Amino acid sequence: MEGAMPAVRNERGEPFVFATRLEAQREIADNMILGLQQFLDGNVGFADAFVNNEYIVEVDLCADGSVIDANGARSR
């Protein structure tokens, strides 16, 4: 699949929509901190600790649990 894909899903496997941009930013920051901790613990290399492909996209949440981004792409 090409393009943006939901990085976080709920317990039903549907895309998780954060209530606020700050909440989404904190989730990304937590994942970055986990990567750094894995480096410090010797579990990953230095370069791998900084790999982060996550970014925030505003979406519309549909009744079926799918989301539609500004480009009209639907993710389920």
N, C-alpha and C. Protein backbone atom coordinates (compact mmCIF):
# COMPACT_ATOMS: atom_id res chain seq x y z
N MET A 1 0.84 -1.18 0.00
CA MET A 1 0.00 0.00 0.00
C MET A 1 0.89 1.24 0.00
N GLU A 2 0.56 2.21 -0.82
CA GLU A 2 1.33 3.45 -0.88
C GLU A 2 0.63 4.55 -0.11
N GLY A 3 1.40 5.58 0.22
CA GLY A 3 0.82 6.74 0.89
C GLY A 3 0.77 6.59 2.39
N ALA A 4 0.11 7.55 3.01
CA ALA A 4 -0.01 7.56 4.47
C ALA A 4 -0.88 6.41 4.94
N MET A 5 -0.45 5.80 6.04
CA MET A 5 -1.21 4.73 6.66
C MET A 5 -1.30 5.01 8.15
N PRO A 6 -2.44 4.69 8.77
CA PRO A 6 -2.55 4.90 10.22
C PRO A 6 -1.49 4.11 10.97
N ALA A 7 -0.77 4.80 11.86
CA ALA A 7 0.29 4.15 12.63
C ALA A 7 -0.24 3.56 13.93
N VAL A 8 -1.38 4.08 14.39
CA VAL A 8 -1.96 3.63 15.65
C VAL A 8 -3.37 3.13 15.37
N ARG A 9 -3.70 1.98 15.92
CA ARG A 9 -5.04 1.40 15.74
C ARG A 9 -5.65 1.08 17.10
N ASN A 10 -6.97 1.10 17.15
CA ASN A 10 -7.67 0.79 18.41
C ASN A 10 -7.78 -0.72 18.58
N GLU A 11 -8.47 -1.14 19.62
CA GLU A 11 -8.58 -2.57 19.93
C GLU A 11 -9.35 -3.35 18.87
N ARG A 12 -10.14 -2.68 18.03
CA ARG A 12 -10.87 -3.34 16.94
C ARG A 12 -10.09 -3.31 15.63
N GLY A 13 -8.87 -2.76 15.68
CA GLY A 13 -8.05 -2.69 14.48
C GLY A 13 -8.36 -1.50 13.59
N GLU A 14 -9.20 -0.60 14.04
CA GLU A 14 -9.55 0.59 13.28
C GLU A 14 -8.52 1.69 13.53
N PRO A 15 -8.36 2.61 12.57
CA PRO A 15 -7.44 3.74 12.80
C PRO A 15 -7.82 4.50 14.06
N PHE A 16 -6.83 4.80 14.88
CA PHE A 16 -7.06 5.56 16.11
C PHE A 16 -6.95 7.04 15.79
N VAL A 17 -7.94 7.81 16.20
CA VAL A 17 -7.94 9.25 15.96
C VAL A 17 -7.72 9.94 17.30
N PHE A 18 -6.64 10.69 17.39
CA PHE A 18 -6.33 11.42 18.62
C PHE A 18 -7.26 12.61 18.77
N ALA A 19 -7.60 12.93 20.00
CA ALA A 19 -8.52 14.03 20.28
C ALA A 19 -7.92 15.38 19.92
N THR A 20 -6.61 15.51 20.10
CA THR A 20 -5.95 16.79 19.82
C THR A 20 -4.62 16.56 19.12
N ARG A 21 -4.14 17.60 18.47
CA ARG A 21 -2.82 17.54 17.82
C ARG A 21 -1.74 17.29 18.87
N LEU A 22 -1.86 17.92 20.04
CA LEU A 22 -0.87 17.74 21.10
C LEU A 22 -0.80 16.29 21.55
N GLU A 23 -1.94 15.64 21.66
CA GLU A 23 -1.96 14.22 22.04
C GLU A 23 -1.22 13.37 21.01
N ALA A 24 -1.43 13.66 19.74
CA ALA A 24 -0.74 12.94 18.66
C ALA A 24 0.76 13.22 18.71
N GLN A 25 1.14 14.48 18.94
CA GLN A 25 2.56 14.84 19.05
C GLN A 25 3.22 14.10 20.20
N ARG A 26 2.52 13.99 21.31
CA ARG A 26 3.08 13.27 22.47
C ARG A 26 3.27 11.80 22.18
N GLU A 27 2.37 11.20 21.42
CA GLU A 27 2.51 9.79 21.03
C GLU A 27 3.78 9.62 20.19
N ILE A 28 4.01 10.51 19.24
CA ILE A 28 5.22 10.45 18.41
C ILE A 28 6.45 10.64 19.28
N ALA A 29 6.42 11.60 20.20
CA ALA A 29 7.56 11.83 21.10
C ALA A 29 7.84 10.60 21.95
N ASP A 30 6.80 9.95 22.46
CA ASP A 30 6.99 8.73 23.25
C ASP A 30 7.68 7.65 22.43
N ASN A 31 7.29 7.51 21.17
CA ASN A 31 7.92 6.50 20.30
C ASN A 31 9.38 6.85 20.05
N MET A 32 9.68 8.13 19.92
CA MET A 32 11.07 8.55 19.73
C MET A 32 11.90 8.25 20.98
N ILE A 33 11.34 8.49 22.14
CA ILE A 33 12.02 8.21 23.40
C ILE A 33 12.28 6.70 23.53
N LEU A 34 11.31 5.88 23.13
CA LEU A 34 11.50 4.43 23.17
C LEU A 34 12.67 4.01 22.29
N GLY A 35 12.78 4.62 21.10
CA GLY A 35 13.90 4.30 20.20
C GLY A 35 15.23 4.66 20.82
N LEU A 36 15.30 5.83 21.44
CA LEU A 36 16.54 6.24 22.11
C LEU A 36 16.88 5.31 23.26
N GLN A 37 15.88 4.88 24.00
CA GLN A 37 16.12 3.97 25.12
C GLN A 37 16.62 2.63 24.61
N GLN A 38 16.09 2.17 23.49
CA GLN A 38 16.57 0.92 22.91
C GLN A 38 18.04 1.03 22.50
N PHE A 39 18.44 2.20 22.01
CA PHE A 39 19.85 2.43 21.69
C PHE A 39 20.69 2.39 22.96
N LEU A 40 20.26 3.11 23.99
CA LEU A 40 21.01 3.15 25.24
C LEU A 40 21.13 1.77 25.88
N ASP A 41 20.10 0.93 25.67
CA ASP A 41 20.13 -0.43 26.22
C ASP A 41 20.93 -1.39 25.34
N GLY A 42 21.42 -0.90 24.18
CA GLY A 42 22.21 -1.74 23.29
C GLY A 42 21.39 -2.64 22.39
N ASN A 43 20.10 -2.37 22.25
CA ASN A 43 19.24 -3.23 21.44
C ASN A 43 19.17 -2.83 19.97
N VAL A 44 19.47 -1.57 19.66
CA VAL A 44 19.49 -1.10 18.27
C VAL A 44 20.69 -0.19 18.08
N GLY A 45 21.08 -0.01 16.82
CA GLY A 45 22.18 0.90 16.52
C GLY A 45 21.75 2.35 16.63
N PHE A 46 22.76 3.24 16.63
CA PHE A 46 22.51 4.66 16.79
C PHE A 46 21.57 5.20 15.71
N ALA A 47 21.85 4.87 14.44
CA ALA A 47 21.02 5.36 13.34
C ALA A 47 19.59 4.84 13.44
N ASP A 48 19.44 3.59 13.82
CA ASP A 48 18.09 3.01 13.94
C ASP A 48 17.27 3.65 15.05
N ALA A 49 17.94 4.18 16.05
CA ALA A 49 17.23 4.81 17.16
C ALA A 49 16.52 6.09 16.72
N PHE A 50 16.96 6.67 15.61
CA PHE A 50 16.39 7.95 15.17
C PHE A 50 15.42 7.81 14.00
N VAL A 51 15.14 6.60 13.58
CA VAL A 51 14.20 6.40 12.47
C VAL A 51 12.79 6.68 12.97
N ASN A 52 12.15 7.67 12.34
CA ASN A 52 10.78 8.00 12.70
C ASN A 52 10.06 8.44 11.43
N ASN A 53 9.12 7.62 11.00
CA ASN A 53 8.35 7.92 9.80
C ASN A 53 6.94 8.39 10.14
N GLU A 54 6.69 8.68 11.40
CA GLU A 54 5.36 9.09 11.81
C GLU A 54 5.17 10.59 11.63
N TYR A 55 3.99 10.95 11.23
CA TYR A 55 3.62 12.36 11.13
C TYR A 55 2.11 12.47 11.32
N ILE A 56 1.65 13.66 11.54
CA ILE A 56 0.25 13.90 11.88
C ILE A 56 -0.50 14.35 10.63
N VAL A 57 -1.67 13.74 10.43
CA VAL A 57 -2.55 14.08 9.32
C VAL A 57 -3.94 14.29 9.89
N GLU A 58 -4.55 15.43 9.56
CA GLU A 58 -5.93 15.66 9.98
C GLU A 58 -6.84 14.81 9.11
N VAL A 59 -7.83 14.17 9.74
CA VAL A 59 -8.74 13.27 9.04
C VAL A 59 -10.18 13.50 9.50
N ASP A 60 -11.09 12.99 8.69
CA ASP A 60 -12.50 12.90 9.06
C ASP A 60 -12.76 11.46 9.46
N LEU A 61 -13.42 11.26 10.59
CA LEU A 61 -13.74 9.92 11.07
C LEU A 61 -15.12 9.54 10.57
N CYS A 62 -15.21 8.40 9.90
CA CYS A 62 -16.47 7.91 9.35
C CYS A 62 -17.17 6.98 10.35
N ALA A 63 -18.46 6.79 10.15
CA ALA A 63 -19.26 5.96 11.06
C ALA A 63 -18.77 4.51 11.10
N ASP A 64 -18.16 4.02 10.02
CA ASP A 64 -17.68 2.64 9.98
C ASP A 64 -16.30 2.47 10.61
N GLY A 65 -15.73 3.57 11.15
CA GLY A 65 -14.42 3.50 11.80
C GLY A 65 -13.27 3.83 10.88
N SER A 66 -13.54 3.99 9.59
CA SER A 66 -12.48 4.38 8.66
C SER A 66 -12.25 5.88 8.76
N VAL A 67 -11.16 6.34 8.17
CA VAL A 67 -10.84 7.76 8.18
C VAL A 67 -10.55 8.21 6.75
N ILE A 68 -10.82 9.49 6.49
CA ILE A 68 -10.56 10.09 5.18
C ILE A 68 -9.66 11.29 5.40
N ASP A 69 -8.53 11.33 4.66
CA ASP A 69 -7.61 12.46 4.81
C ASP A 69 -7.99 13.59 3.84
N ALA A 70 -7.24 14.67 3.87
CA ALA A 70 -7.54 15.85 3.06
C ALA A 70 -7.46 15.56 1.56
N ASN A 71 -6.75 14.51 1.17
CA ASN A 71 -6.64 14.14 -0.24
C ASN A 71 -7.75 13.20 -0.67
N GLY A 72 -8.63 12.85 0.27
CA GLY A 72 -9.73 11.94 -0.05
C GLY A 72 -9.39 10.48 0.08
N ALA A 73 -8.19 10.17 0.55
CA ALA A 73 -7.78 8.77 0.72
C ALA A 73 -8.44 8.21 1.98
N ARG A 74 -9.03 7.04 1.83
CA ARG A 74 -9.71 6.37 2.94
C ARG A 74 -8.84 5.25 3.48
N SER A 75 -8.72 5.16 4.78
CA SER A 75 -7.99 4.06 5.43
C SER A 75 -8.94 3.34 6.35
N ARG A 76 -8.86 2.05 6.36
CA ARG A 76 -9.69 1.22 7.23
C ARG A 76 -8.81 0.36 8.05
